[in-house]
Amino acid sequence: MTVRPIVVYPDPRLKTVSHEFTATPEELQLVSDLRATMLAARGLGIAAIQVGVPTRLIVVGGRGGESSLAMANPVIVSMDGDVRAVLEGCLSFPGVFETVRRHTKVVARWQDPFDMATTREEPFRDIRAQVLQHEVEHLQGVTLASRWSRARRGTVTGQLKKYGRAF
């Protein structure tokens, strides 16, 4: 378990579309590294691209006694429930919070990274649904900045550089 440095905006790697997770030894090590990095950064979720590895792997943190969940090649198969405006942060945008619109219920399908023959499909609600939507967007190269105007991107980029808000 290694805590890896987090890639911070405006690093162009965050725009990378991630490739399929294939369970190589390096990718399997990445599972425990992502968990350690997420916990060290006090995050609710993390995608592999946030540590510079463009593979379709995320970890969604647990709440209230739930353990974190590692998901290889996750896909959101349906979104339901209310669409709510929620305040959202991101480990790759330290100190930045934005209001985004998220579904309150989603169903996801993914593979177990340690048993690629096992595919799971499960519903997620509320905060875990929000985190899952956010992390899956990272796998597609979508970040908080993807929603911003050019002026907002410039302001945040300047603030992050000025205050050295990198991990």
N, C-alpha and C. Protein backbone atom coordinates (compact mmCIF):
# COMPACT_ATOMS: atom_id res chain seq x y z
N MET A 1 0.83 -1.18 0.00
CA MET A 1 0.00 0.00 0.00
C MET A 1 0.87 1.24 0.00
N THR A 2 0.80 1.96 -1.08
CA THR A 2 1.58 3.18 -1.21
C THR A 2 0.62 4.34 -1.44
N VAL A 3 0.84 5.42 -0.70
CA VAL A 3 0.10 6.64 -0.95
C VAL A 3 0.78 7.34 -2.12
N ARG A 4 0.06 7.50 -3.19
CA ARG A 4 0.62 8.10 -4.41
C ARG A 4 0.29 9.59 -4.47
N PRO A 5 1.12 10.35 -5.16
CA PRO A 5 0.80 11.77 -5.35
C PRO A 5 -0.44 11.92 -6.22
N ILE A 6 -1.27 12.87 -5.87
CA ILE A 6 -2.50 13.12 -6.62
C ILE A 6 -2.23 14.14 -7.72
N VAL A 7 -2.70 13.82 -8.92
CA VAL A 7 -2.59 14.72 -10.07
C VAL A 7 -3.56 15.88 -9.84
N VAL A 8 -3.05 17.10 -9.92
CA VAL A 8 -3.85 18.28 -9.61
C VAL A 8 -4.07 19.12 -10.87
N TYR A 9 -5.29 19.61 -11.02
CA TYR A 9 -5.65 20.51 -12.10
C TYR A 9 -4.70 21.70 -12.10
N PRO A 10 -4.21 22.13 -13.24
CA PRO A 10 -4.64 21.88 -14.61
C PRO A 10 -3.85 20.81 -15.36
N ASP A 11 -3.30 19.84 -14.67
CA ASP A 11 -2.53 18.79 -15.33
C ASP A 11 -3.36 18.16 -16.45
N PRO A 12 -2.83 18.13 -17.68
CA PRO A 12 -3.61 17.62 -18.82
C PRO A 12 -3.96 16.14 -18.74
N ARG A 13 -3.28 15.38 -17.90
CA ARG A 13 -3.63 13.96 -17.76
C ARG A 13 -5.06 13.77 -17.28
N LEU A 14 -5.60 14.74 -16.56
CA LEU A 14 -6.97 14.62 -16.06
C LEU A 14 -8.00 14.58 -17.19
N LYS A 15 -7.62 15.03 -18.38
CA LYS A 15 -8.53 14.99 -19.53
C LYS A 15 -8.44 13.68 -20.30
N THR A 16 -7.57 12.79 -19.88
CA THR A 16 -7.35 11.53 -20.58
C THR A 16 -8.53 10.58 -20.41
N VAL A 17 -8.96 9.97 -21.50
CA VAL A 17 -9.98 8.91 -21.43
C VAL A 17 -9.24 7.62 -21.07
N SER A 18 -9.65 6.98 -20.00
CA SER A 18 -8.94 5.81 -19.48
C SER A 18 -9.22 4.56 -20.30
N HIS A 19 -8.24 3.68 -20.35
CA HIS A 19 -8.37 2.42 -21.09
C HIS A 19 -8.89 1.32 -20.16
N GLU A 20 -9.27 0.22 -20.74
CA GLU A 20 -9.84 -0.90 -19.99
C GLU A 20 -8.85 -1.44 -18.96
N PHE A 21 -9.34 -1.72 -17.78
CA PHE A 21 -8.57 -2.38 -16.72
C PHE A 21 -8.50 -3.86 -17.07
N THR A 22 -7.27 -4.42 -17.05
CA THR A 22 -7.09 -5.82 -17.46
C THR A 22 -6.48 -6.70 -16.37
N ALA A 23 -6.30 -6.16 -15.18
CA ALA A 23 -5.81 -6.92 -14.03
C ALA A 23 -4.35 -7.37 -14.18
N THR A 24 -3.52 -6.49 -14.74
CA THR A 24 -2.08 -6.77 -14.75
C THR A 24 -1.58 -6.67 -13.31
N PRO A 25 -0.42 -7.22 -12.99
CA PRO A 25 0.10 -7.09 -11.63
C PRO A 25 0.21 -5.62 -11.17
N GLU A 26 0.60 -4.74 -12.08
CA GLU A 26 0.71 -3.32 -11.73
C GLU A 26 -0.66 -2.73 -11.41
N GLU A 27 -1.66 -3.12 -12.20
CA GLU A 27 -3.01 -2.61 -11.95
C GLU A 27 -3.58 -3.16 -10.64
N LEU A 28 -3.29 -4.39 -10.33
CA LEU A 28 -3.78 -4.97 -9.07
C LEU A 28 -3.15 -4.27 -7.88
N GLN A 29 -1.87 -3.91 -7.97
CA GLN A 29 -1.23 -3.14 -6.90
C GLN A 29 -1.89 -1.78 -6.76
N LEU A 30 -2.33 -1.24 -7.87
CA LEU A 30 -2.97 0.06 -7.88
C LEU A 30 -4.24 0.08 -7.01
N VAL A 31 -4.93 -1.04 -6.91
CA VAL A 31 -6.15 -1.08 -6.09
C VAL A 31 -5.85 -0.66 -4.66
N SER A 32 -4.87 -1.29 -4.03
CA SER A 32 -4.55 -0.95 -2.64
C SER A 32 -3.94 0.45 -2.54
N ASP A 33 -3.18 0.84 -3.55
CA ASP A 33 -2.60 2.19 -3.55
C ASP A 33 -3.69 3.26 -3.63
N LEU A 34 -4.72 3.01 -4.45
CA LEU A 34 -5.83 3.98 -4.53
C LEU A 34 -6.56 4.09 -3.20
N ARG A 35 -6.79 2.96 -2.56
CA ARG A 35 -7.45 3.00 -1.24
C ARG A 35 -6.62 3.82 -0.26
N ALA A 36 -5.31 3.55 -0.21
CA ALA A 36 -4.43 4.25 0.73
C ALA A 36 -4.39 5.75 0.41
N THR A 37 -4.33 6.09 -0.87
CA THR A 37 -4.27 7.49 -1.28
C THR A 37 -5.57 8.20 -0.94
N MET A 38 -6.70 7.56 -1.21
CA MET A 38 -8.00 8.15 -0.91
C MET A 38 -8.15 8.40 0.59
N LEU A 39 -7.77 7.44 1.39
CA LEU A 39 -7.87 7.59 2.84
C LEU A 39 -6.94 8.67 3.36
N ALA A 40 -5.72 8.70 2.86
CA ALA A 40 -4.75 9.71 3.30
C ALA A 40 -5.23 11.12 2.96
N ALA A 41 -5.91 11.26 1.80
CA ALA A 41 -6.39 12.56 1.36
C ALA A 41 -7.78 12.88 1.93
N ARG A 42 -8.34 11.94 2.68
CA ARG A 42 -9.68 12.09 3.28
C ARG A 42 -10.75 12.28 2.22
N GLY A 43 -10.61 11.51 1.12
CA GLY A 43 -11.56 11.59 0.03
C GLY A 43 -12.70 10.60 0.16
N LEU A 44 -13.73 10.80 -0.64
CA LEU A 44 -14.88 9.89 -0.69
C LEU A 44 -14.79 8.92 -1.85
N GLY A 45 -13.87 9.20 -2.78
CA GLY A 45 -13.68 8.35 -3.94
C GLY A 45 -12.44 8.80 -4.67
N ILE A 46 -11.96 7.93 -5.56
CA ILE A 46 -10.78 8.27 -6.36
C ILE A 46 -10.78 7.41 -7.62
N ALA A 47 -10.30 7.99 -8.70
CA ALA A 47 -10.13 7.27 -9.97
C ALA A 47 -8.64 7.14 -10.25
N ALA A 48 -8.27 6.08 -10.94
CA ALA A 48 -6.85 5.82 -11.22
C ALA A 48 -6.17 6.98 -11.93
N ILE A 49 -6.88 7.67 -12.80
CA ILE A 49 -6.27 8.79 -13.52
C ILE A 49 -5.84 9.89 -12.55
N GLN A 50 -6.43 9.94 -11.38
CA GLN A 50 -6.06 10.97 -10.41
C GLN A 50 -4.71 10.71 -9.76
N VAL A 51 -4.14 9.54 -10.00
CA VAL A 51 -2.75 9.28 -9.61
C VAL A 51 -1.90 9.05 -10.85
N GLY A 52 -2.42 9.46 -12.00
CA GLY A 52 -1.66 9.43 -13.25
C GLY A 52 -1.71 8.14 -14.03
N VAL A 53 -2.61 7.22 -13.66
CA VAL A 53 -2.70 5.94 -14.36
C VAL A 53 -4.02 5.89 -15.13
N PRO A 54 -3.98 5.90 -16.45
CA PRO A 54 -5.21 5.98 -17.24
C PRO A 54 -5.87 4.61 -17.47
N THR A 55 -6.27 3.98 -16.39
CA THR A 55 -6.99 2.72 -16.49
C THR A 55 -8.34 2.86 -15.81
N ARG A 56 -9.32 2.09 -16.26
CA ARG A 56 -10.71 2.22 -15.78
C ARG A 56 -10.87 1.51 -14.43
N LEU A 57 -10.38 2.17 -13.40
CA LEU A 57 -10.45 1.66 -12.02
C LEU A 57 -10.79 2.81 -11.11
N ILE A 58 -11.78 2.58 -10.24
CA ILE A 58 -12.14 3.57 -9.22
C ILE A 58 -12.30 2.88 -7.88
N VAL A 59 -12.20 3.67 -6.83
CA VAL A 59 -12.53 3.22 -5.49
C VAL A 59 -13.54 4.21 -4.94
N VAL A 60 -14.65 3.68 -4.46
CA VAL A 60 -15.70 4.48 -3.84
C VAL A 60 -15.63 4.20 -2.35
N GLY A 61 -15.46 5.25 -1.58
CA GLY A 61 -15.31 5.11 -0.14
C GLY A 61 -16.57 4.64 0.54
N GLY A 62 -16.37 4.03 1.70
CA GLY A 62 -17.49 3.56 2.51
C GLY A 62 -17.92 4.61 3.51
N ARG A 63 -19.14 4.52 3.95
CA ARG A 63 -19.69 5.42 4.96
C ARG A 63 -20.45 4.58 5.97
N GLY A 64 -20.42 5.00 7.22
CA GLY A 64 -21.23 4.34 8.24
C GLY A 64 -20.98 2.85 8.37
N GLY A 65 -19.72 2.45 8.36
CA GLY A 65 -19.39 1.05 8.53
C GLY A 65 -19.22 0.28 7.24
N GLU A 66 -19.61 0.87 6.09
CA GLU A 66 -19.40 0.20 4.81
C GLU A 66 -17.92 0.26 4.45
N SER A 67 -17.43 -0.78 3.83
CA SER A 67 -16.04 -0.75 3.37
C SER A 67 -15.98 -0.09 2.00
N SER A 68 -14.79 0.35 1.62
CA SER A 68 -14.64 0.95 0.30
C SER A 68 -14.82 -0.14 -0.76
N LEU A 69 -15.16 0.29 -1.94
CA LEU A 69 -15.47 -0.64 -3.02
C LEU A 69 -14.59 -0.32 -4.22
N ALA A 70 -13.77 -1.29 -4.64
CA ALA A 70 -12.95 -1.14 -5.84
C ALA A 70 -13.74 -1.66 -7.03
N MET A 71 -13.77 -0.87 -8.10
CA MET A 71 -14.58 -1.19 -9.27
C MET A 71 -13.74 -1.09 -10.53
N ALA A 72 -13.60 -2.20 -11.25
CA ALA A 72 -12.89 -2.21 -12.52
C ALA A 72 -13.90 -2.06 -13.66
N ASN A 73 -13.58 -1.22 -14.61
CA ASN A 73 -14.41 -1.00 -15.80
C ASN A 73 -15.87 -0.67 -15.46
N PRO A 74 -16.09 0.26 -14.52
CA PRO A 74 -17.47 0.57 -14.12
C PRO A 74 -18.23 1.32 -15.22
N VAL A 75 -19.51 1.02 -15.28
CA VAL A 75 -20.42 1.69 -16.22
C VAL A 75 -21.70 1.99 -15.45
N ILE A 76 -22.21 3.18 -15.61
CA ILE A 76 -23.52 3.50 -15.03
C ILE A 76 -24.55 3.06 -16.06
N VAL A 77 -25.40 2.09 -15.67
CA VAL A 77 -26.37 1.54 -16.62
C VAL A 77 -27.71 2.25 -16.56
N SER A 78 -28.00 2.90 -15.43
CA SER A 78 -29.22 3.70 -15.36
C SER A 78 -29.09 4.74 -14.27
N MET A 79 -29.82 5.84 -14.48
CA MET A 79 -29.88 6.92 -13.50
C MET A 79 -31.35 7.21 -13.26
N ASP A 80 -31.69 7.39 -11.99
CA ASP A 80 -33.08 7.57 -11.63
C ASP A 80 -33.13 8.51 -10.43
N GLY A 81 -34.32 8.66 -9.89
CA GLY A 81 -34.48 9.51 -8.72
C GLY A 81 -34.42 10.98 -9.10
N ASP A 82 -34.41 11.79 -8.08
CA ASP A 82 -34.33 13.23 -8.29
C ASP A 82 -32.97 13.61 -8.84
N VAL A 83 -32.94 14.72 -9.54
CA VAL A 83 -31.68 15.34 -9.92
C VAL A 83 -31.53 16.54 -9.00
N ARG A 84 -30.47 16.53 -8.22
CA ARG A 84 -30.27 17.59 -7.22
C ARG A 84 -28.99 18.36 -7.48
N ALA A 85 -29.03 19.61 -7.11
CA ALA A 85 -27.82 20.43 -7.12
C ALA A 85 -27.10 20.16 -5.81
N VAL A 86 -25.86 19.69 -5.91
CA VAL A 86 -25.08 19.33 -4.72
C VAL A 86 -23.71 20.00 -4.78
N LEU A 87 -23.17 20.31 -3.63
CA LEU A 87 -21.84 20.87 -3.54
C LEU A 87 -20.83 19.73 -3.61
N GLU A 88 -19.88 19.85 -4.52
CA GLU A 88 -18.96 18.75 -4.77
C GLU A 88 -17.53 19.26 -4.81
N GLY A 89 -16.65 18.49 -4.20
CA GLY A 89 -15.22 18.76 -4.25
C GLY A 89 -14.54 17.64 -5.02
N CYS A 90 -13.23 17.75 -5.16
CA CYS A 90 -12.47 16.74 -5.90
C CYS A 90 -11.03 16.78 -5.40
N LEU A 91 -10.43 15.61 -5.21
CA LEU A 91 -9.05 15.54 -4.76
C LEU A 91 -8.10 16.23 -5.73
N SER A 92 -8.45 16.28 -7.00
CA SER A 92 -7.60 16.92 -8.01
C SER A 92 -7.81 18.44 -8.10
N PHE A 93 -8.74 18.95 -7.31
CA PHE A 93 -9.02 20.39 -7.24
C PHE A 93 -9.04 20.79 -5.76
N PRO A 94 -7.90 20.72 -5.09
CA PRO A 94 -7.89 20.96 -3.64
C PRO A 94 -8.43 22.34 -3.26
N GLY A 95 -9.37 22.32 -2.33
CA GLY A 95 -9.96 23.56 -1.84
C GLY A 95 -11.03 24.16 -2.72
N VAL A 96 -11.36 23.51 -3.83
CA VAL A 96 -12.36 24.03 -4.77
C VAL A 96 -13.64 23.20 -4.61
N PHE A 97 -14.76 23.89 -4.48
CA PHE A 97 -16.06 23.22 -4.38
C PHE A 97 -17.00 23.89 -5.37
N GLU A 98 -17.77 23.06 -6.06
CA GLU A 98 -18.69 23.55 -7.08
C GLU A 98 -20.05 22.89 -6.90
N THR A 99 -21.08 23.59 -7.29
CA THR A 99 -22.42 23.01 -7.31
C THR A 99 -22.61 22.31 -8.65
N VAL A 100 -22.94 21.03 -8.58
CA VAL A 100 -23.20 20.24 -9.79
C VAL A 100 -24.55 19.54 -9.62
N ARG A 101 -25.11 19.09 -10.72
CA ARG A 101 -26.39 18.37 -10.69
C ARG A 101 -26.12 16.88 -10.81
N ARG A 102 -26.66 16.12 -9.86
CA ARG A 102 -26.44 14.67 -9.82
C ARG A 102 -27.76 13.94 -9.54
N HIS A 103 -27.88 12.77 -10.14
CA HIS A 103 -29.01 11.89 -9.84
C HIS A 103 -28.83 11.30 -8.45
N THR A 104 -29.94 11.09 -7.76
CA THR A 104 -29.87 10.53 -6.40
C THR A 104 -29.82 9.01 -6.40
N LYS A 105 -30.14 8.38 -7.53
CA LYS A 105 -30.09 6.92 -7.64
C LYS A 105 -29.45 6.54 -8.97
N VAL A 106 -28.50 5.61 -8.90
CA VAL A 106 -27.90 5.08 -10.12
C VAL A 106 -27.72 3.58 -9.95
N VAL A 107 -27.66 2.89 -11.07
CA VAL A 107 -27.31 1.47 -11.07
C VAL A 107 -26.01 1.36 -11.86
N ALA A 108 -25.03 0.68 -11.27
CA ALA A 108 -23.73 0.52 -11.91
C ALA A 108 -23.42 -0.95 -12.14
N ARG A 109 -22.63 -1.20 -13.18
CA ARG A 109 -22.13 -2.54 -13.48
C ARG A 109 -20.61 -2.43 -13.55
N TRP A 110 -19.92 -3.38 -12.93
CA TRP A 110 -18.46 -3.37 -12.92
C TRP A 110 -17.92 -4.77 -12.69
N GLN A 111 -16.62 -4.90 -12.87
CA GLN A 111 -15.94 -6.17 -12.62
C GLN A 111 -15.16 -6.07 -11.31
N ASP A 112 -15.04 -7.20 -10.64
CA ASP A 112 -14.20 -7.28 -9.46
C ASP A 112 -12.75 -7.27 -9.96
N PRO A 113 -11.93 -6.32 -9.51
CA PRO A 113 -10.56 -6.26 -10.04
C PRO A 113 -9.73 -7.51 -9.76
N PHE A 114 -10.08 -8.26 -8.73
CA PHE A 114 -9.31 -9.46 -8.38
C PHE A 114 -9.92 -10.74 -8.93
N ASP A 115 -11.07 -10.61 -9.58
CA ASP A 115 -11.74 -11.75 -10.22
C ASP A 115 -12.51 -11.20 -11.41
N MET A 116 -11.80 -10.96 -12.50
CA MET A 116 -12.39 -10.28 -13.64
C MET A 116 -13.56 -11.04 -14.26
N ALA A 117 -13.71 -12.32 -13.93
CA ALA A 117 -14.84 -13.09 -14.44
C ALA A 117 -16.13 -12.73 -13.69
N THR A 118 -16.00 -12.05 -12.57
CA THR A 118 -17.16 -11.67 -11.77
C THR A 118 -17.60 -10.26 -12.11
N THR A 119 -18.80 -10.17 -12.66
CA THR A 119 -19.41 -8.87 -12.95
C THR A 119 -20.52 -8.65 -11.96
N ARG A 120 -20.54 -7.46 -11.39
CA ARG A 120 -21.58 -7.10 -10.42
C ARG A 120 -22.42 -5.96 -10.98
N GLU A 121 -23.67 -5.93 -10.55
CA GLU A 121 -24.55 -4.82 -10.88
C GLU A 121 -25.32 -4.50 -9.61
N GLU A 122 -25.32 -3.22 -9.25
CA GLU A 122 -25.88 -2.87 -7.95
C GLU A 122 -26.39 -1.43 -7.98
N PRO A 123 -27.46 -1.14 -7.23
CA PRO A 123 -27.93 0.25 -7.12
C PRO A 123 -27.14 1.02 -6.06
N PHE A 124 -27.00 2.31 -6.29
CA PHE A 124 -26.37 3.22 -5.34
C PHE A 124 -27.29 4.40 -5.14
N ARG A 125 -27.30 4.93 -3.92
CA ARG A 125 -28.19 6.03 -3.58
C ARG A 125 -27.41 7.17 -2.95
N ASP A 126 -27.96 8.34 -3.07
CA ASP A 126 -27.51 9.53 -2.36
C ASP A 126 -26.01 9.79 -2.54
N ILE A 127 -25.24 9.89 -1.44
CA ILE A 127 -23.84 10.30 -1.54
C ILE A 127 -23.01 9.29 -2.35
N ARG A 128 -23.28 8.00 -2.18
CA ARG A 128 -22.51 7.02 -2.97
C ARG A 128 -22.86 7.11 -4.45
N ALA A 129 -24.10 7.43 -4.78
CA ALA A 129 -24.47 7.65 -6.18
C ALA A 129 -23.75 8.87 -6.73
N GLN A 130 -23.66 9.92 -5.94
CA GLN A 130 -22.97 11.13 -6.34
C GLN A 130 -21.49 10.85 -6.59
N VAL A 131 -20.85 10.16 -5.65
CA VAL A 131 -19.42 9.85 -5.78
C VAL A 131 -19.18 8.97 -7.01
N LEU A 132 -20.02 7.98 -7.20
CA LEU A 132 -19.87 7.08 -8.35
C LEU A 132 -19.96 7.86 -9.67
N GLN A 133 -20.94 8.75 -9.79
CA GLN A 133 -21.07 9.55 -11.01
C GLN A 133 -19.81 10.39 -11.25
N HIS A 134 -19.31 10.99 -10.18
CA HIS A 134 -18.11 11.83 -10.27
C HIS A 134 -16.90 11.02 -10.74
N GLU A 135 -16.68 9.86 -10.13
CA GLU A 135 -15.49 9.06 -10.47
C GLU A 135 -15.58 8.46 -11.87
N VAL A 136 -16.76 8.04 -12.28
CA VAL A 136 -16.92 7.51 -13.64
C VAL A 136 -16.65 8.62 -14.66
N GLU A 137 -17.04 9.84 -14.36
CA GLU A 137 -16.72 10.96 -15.25
C GLU A 137 -15.21 11.11 -15.40
N HIS A 138 -14.45 10.94 -14.31
CA HIS A 138 -12.99 11.02 -14.41
C HIS A 138 -12.46 10.02 -15.44
N LEU A 139 -13.03 8.83 -15.49
CA LEU A 139 -12.57 7.81 -16.43
C LEU A 139 -12.79 8.24 -17.88
N GLN A 140 -13.72 9.16 -18.08
CA GLN A 140 -14.03 9.67 -19.42
C GLN A 140 -13.31 10.98 -19.72
N GLY A 141 -12.44 11.40 -18.79
CA GLY A 141 -11.70 12.65 -18.98
C GLY A 141 -12.50 13.89 -18.64
N VAL A 142 -13.59 13.72 -17.90
CA VAL A 142 -14.46 14.83 -17.51
C VAL A 142 -14.12 15.22 -16.06
N THR A 143 -13.92 16.51 -15.83
CA THR A 143 -13.61 17.01 -14.49
C THR A 143 -14.54 18.16 -14.13
N LEU A 144 -14.40 18.68 -12.93
CA LEU A 144 -15.17 19.85 -12.54
C LEU A 144 -14.95 20.99 -13.53
N ALA A 145 -13.72 21.13 -14.01
CA ALA A 145 -13.40 22.22 -14.94
C ALA A 145 -14.13 22.10 -16.27
N SER A 146 -14.57 20.89 -16.61
CA SER A 146 -15.29 20.69 -17.87
C SER A 146 -16.59 21.48 -17.90
N ARG A 147 -17.11 21.85 -16.75
CA ARG A 147 -18.37 22.58 -16.65
C ARG A 147 -18.18 24.09 -16.57
N TRP A 148 -16.94 24.55 -16.47
CA TRP A 148 -16.67 25.96 -16.22
C TRP A 148 -16.52 26.77 -17.49
N SER A 149 -16.76 28.06 -17.32
CA SER A 149 -16.45 29.01 -18.39
C SER A 149 -14.93 29.18 -18.46
N ARG A 150 -14.46 29.75 -19.53
CA ARG A 150 -13.02 30.00 -19.68
C ARG A 150 -12.53 30.91 -18.55
N ALA A 151 -13.33 31.91 -18.18
CA ALA A 151 -12.93 32.83 -17.10
C ALA A 151 -12.80 32.09 -15.77
N ARG A 152 -13.75 31.21 -15.47
CA ARG A 152 -13.70 30.45 -14.21
C ARG A 152 -12.48 29.54 -14.20
N ARG A 153 -12.19 28.87 -15.30
CA ARG A 153 -10.99 28.01 -15.38
C ARG A 153 -9.74 28.82 -15.10
N GLY A 154 -9.65 30.01 -15.68
CA GLY A 154 -8.49 30.86 -15.47
C GLY A 154 -8.34 31.29 -14.02
N THR A 155 -9.46 31.65 -13.40
CA THR A 155 -9.44 32.06 -11.99
C THR A 155 -8.96 30.93 -11.09
N VAL A 156 -9.54 29.74 -11.25
CA VAL A 156 -9.18 28.60 -10.40
C VAL A 156 -7.74 28.18 -10.66
N THR A 157 -7.33 28.15 -11.91
CA THR A 157 -5.94 27.78 -12.24
C THR A 157 -4.98 28.74 -11.55
N GLY A 158 -5.27 30.02 -11.63
CA GLY A 158 -4.41 31.01 -10.98
C GLY A 158 -4.36 30.83 -9.48
N GLN A 159 -5.52 30.56 -8.86
CA GLN A 159 -5.56 30.36 -7.41
C GLN A 159 -4.77 29.13 -7.00
N LEU A 160 -4.93 28.04 -7.72
CA LEU A 160 -4.21 26.82 -7.36
C LEU A 160 -2.70 27.02 -7.50
N LYS A 161 -2.28 27.73 -8.54
CA LYS A 161 -0.84 27.98 -8.73
C LYS A 161 -0.33 28.97 -7.67
N LYS A 162 -1.08 30.02 -7.42
CA LYS A 162 -0.66 31.07 -6.48
C LYS A 162 -0.48 30.52 -5.06
N TYR A 163 -1.42 29.72 -4.64
CA TYR A 163 -1.38 29.23 -3.26
C TYR A 163 -0.74 27.87 -3.12
N GLY A 164 -0.26 27.30 -4.24
CA GLY A 164 0.44 26.02 -4.17
C GLY A 164 -0.41 24.91 -3.58
N ARG A 165 -1.68 24.86 -3.96
CA ARG A 165 -2.61 23.90 -3.37
C ARG A 165 -2.48 22.55 -4.02
N ALA A 166 -1.29 22.00 -4.02
CA ALA A 166 -1.08 20.68 -4.58
C ALA A 166 -0.66 19.72 -3.46
N PHE A 167 -0.97 18.44 -3.64
CA PHE A 167 -0.60 17.44 -2.64
C PHE A 167 0.82 17.00 -2.86
